[in-house]
């Protein structure tokens, strides 16, 4: 059992290292706002098309940024789960929180 846990830890560590280099992108407003997030769940970049900047409607730009960031974080979480899922093996059946 201890050997299996150590092997899982090694696999998880390897998967986490690989995730740091992977990125996901999300857009909002038909591409007016693009957010890039890492597989580690960090926002790496936000690009805003100048056409999205309307001084008379800052709320629209705020909403677009929030929508794109939330989608990028969801995509990052899905990437994390897809990479770490195999490394977790059968732990999900043990009733451990967060697994």
Protein backbone atom coordinates (compact mmCIF):
# COMPACT_ATOMS: atom_id res chain seq x y z
CA UNK A 1 0.00 0.00 0.00
CA UNK A 2 2.78 2.45 0.92
CA UNK A 3 4.51 1.70 -2.37
CA UNK A 4 1.30 2.53 -4.28
CA UNK A 5 0.93 5.83 -2.43
CA UNK A 6 4.53 6.78 -3.22
CA UNK A 7 4.00 5.93 -6.88
CA UNK A 8 0.82 8.04 -6.95
CA UNK A 9 2.70 10.94 -5.35
CA UNK A 10 5.37 10.74 -8.04
CA UNK A 11 2.74 10.66 -10.79
CA UNK A 12 0.89 13.62 -9.27
CA UNK A 13 4.09 15.63 -8.95
CA UNK A 14 4.96 14.91 -12.59
CA UNK A 15 1.45 15.88 -13.73
CA UNK A 16 1.55 19.11 -11.69
CA UNK A 17 4.88 20.06 -13.25
CA UNK A 18 3.50 19.42 -16.74
CA UNK A 19 0.43 21.55 -15.96
CA UNK A 20 2.57 24.60 -15.19
CA UNK A 21 3.57 24.78 -18.85
CA UNK A 22 0.12 24.21 -20.32
CA UNK A 23 -2.34 27.00 -20.99
CA UNK A 24 -6.00 27.41 -21.85
CA UNK A 25 -7.73 30.38 -23.46
CA UNK A 26 -11.23 31.74 -23.13
CA UNK A 27 -12.93 34.62 -24.89
CA UNK A 28 -15.97 36.79 -24.32
CA UNK A 29 -17.83 39.26 -26.47
CA UNK A 30 -17.04 37.47 -29.69
CA UNK A 31 -13.30 37.63 -29.03
CA UNK A 32 -13.24 41.18 -27.69
CA UNK A 33 -11.65 39.91 -24.47
CA UNK A 34 -9.26 36.96 -24.40
CA UNK A 35 -7.90 35.45 -21.20
CA UNK A 36 -5.06 32.95 -21.00
CA UNK A 37 -4.71 30.83 -17.86
CA UNK A 38 -2.12 28.27 -16.86
CA UNK A 39 -2.80 24.68 -15.96
CA UNK A 40 -1.91 25.76 -12.44
CA UNK A 41 -4.99 27.98 -12.31
CA UNK A 42 -3.19 31.31 -12.70
CA UNK A 43 -4.22 34.06 -15.11
CA UNK A 44 -1.28 34.66 -17.44
CA UNK A 45 -2.64 37.25 -19.84
CA UNK A 46 -5.69 39.36 -20.61
CA UNK A 47 -6.06 40.92 -24.05
CA UNK A 48 -8.71 43.52 -24.73
CA UNK A 49 -9.64 44.62 -28.24
CA UNK A 50 -9.65 48.44 -28.33
CA UNK A 51 -13.16 48.29 -29.81
CA UNK A 52 -14.37 46.89 -26.47
CA UNK A 53 -13.33 50.06 -24.65
CA UNK A 54 -16.35 52.35 -24.57
CA UNK A 55 -15.87 55.22 -22.09
CA UNK A 56 -19.66 55.57 -21.90
CA UNK A 57 -20.16 51.90 -20.92
CA UNK A 58 -17.35 50.66 -18.66
CA UNK A 59 -19.71 48.08 -17.15
CA UNK A 60 -19.82 46.18 -20.44
CA UNK A 61 -16.04 45.80 -20.49
CA UNK A 62 -16.05 44.76 -16.83
CA UNK A 63 -18.66 42.08 -17.58
CA UNK A 64 -16.66 40.80 -20.56
CA UNK A 65 -13.48 40.53 -18.49
CA UNK A 66 -15.27 38.71 -15.66
CA UNK A 67 -16.93 36.30 -18.11
CA UNK A 68 -13.66 35.51 -19.89
CA UNK A 69 -11.73 35.07 -16.63
CA UNK A 70 -14.37 32.75 -15.20
CA UNK A 71 -14.41 30.65 -18.36
CA UNK A 72 -10.59 30.47 -18.42
CA UNK A 73 -10.55 29.32 -14.79
CA UNK A 74 -13.21 26.67 -15.55
CA UNK A 75 -11.13 25.46 -18.48
CA UNK A 76 -8.01 25.43 -16.33
CA UNK A 77 -9.81 23.37 -13.68
CA UNK A 78 -10.98 20.90 -16.32
CA UNK A 79 -7.40 20.59 -17.57
CA UNK A 80 -6.17 19.97 -14.03
CA UNK A 81 -8.79 17.29 -13.46
CA UNK A 82 -7.98 15.60 -16.77
CA UNK A 83 -4.26 15.50 -15.94
CA UNK A 84 -4.48 14.64 -12.25
CA UNK A 85 -7.42 12.23 -12.54
CA UNK A 86 -5.29 9.33 -13.80
CA UNK A 87 -2.62 10.09 -11.18
CA UNK A 88 -5.21 9.85 -8.42
CA UNK A 89 -6.17 6.37 -9.51
CA UNK A 90 -8.66 4.82 -7.11
CA UNK A 91 -8.43 7.44 -4.38
CA UNK A 92 -11.82 8.89 -5.26
CA UNK A 93 -13.45 5.77 -3.89
CA UNK A 94 -11.77 6.21 -0.49
CA UNK A 95 -13.97 9.15 0.47
CA UNK A 96 -11.08 11.58 0.79
CA UNK A 97 -12.14 15.22 0.52
CA UNK A 98 -11.21 17.01 -2.68
CA UNK A 99 -10.53 13.82 -4.61
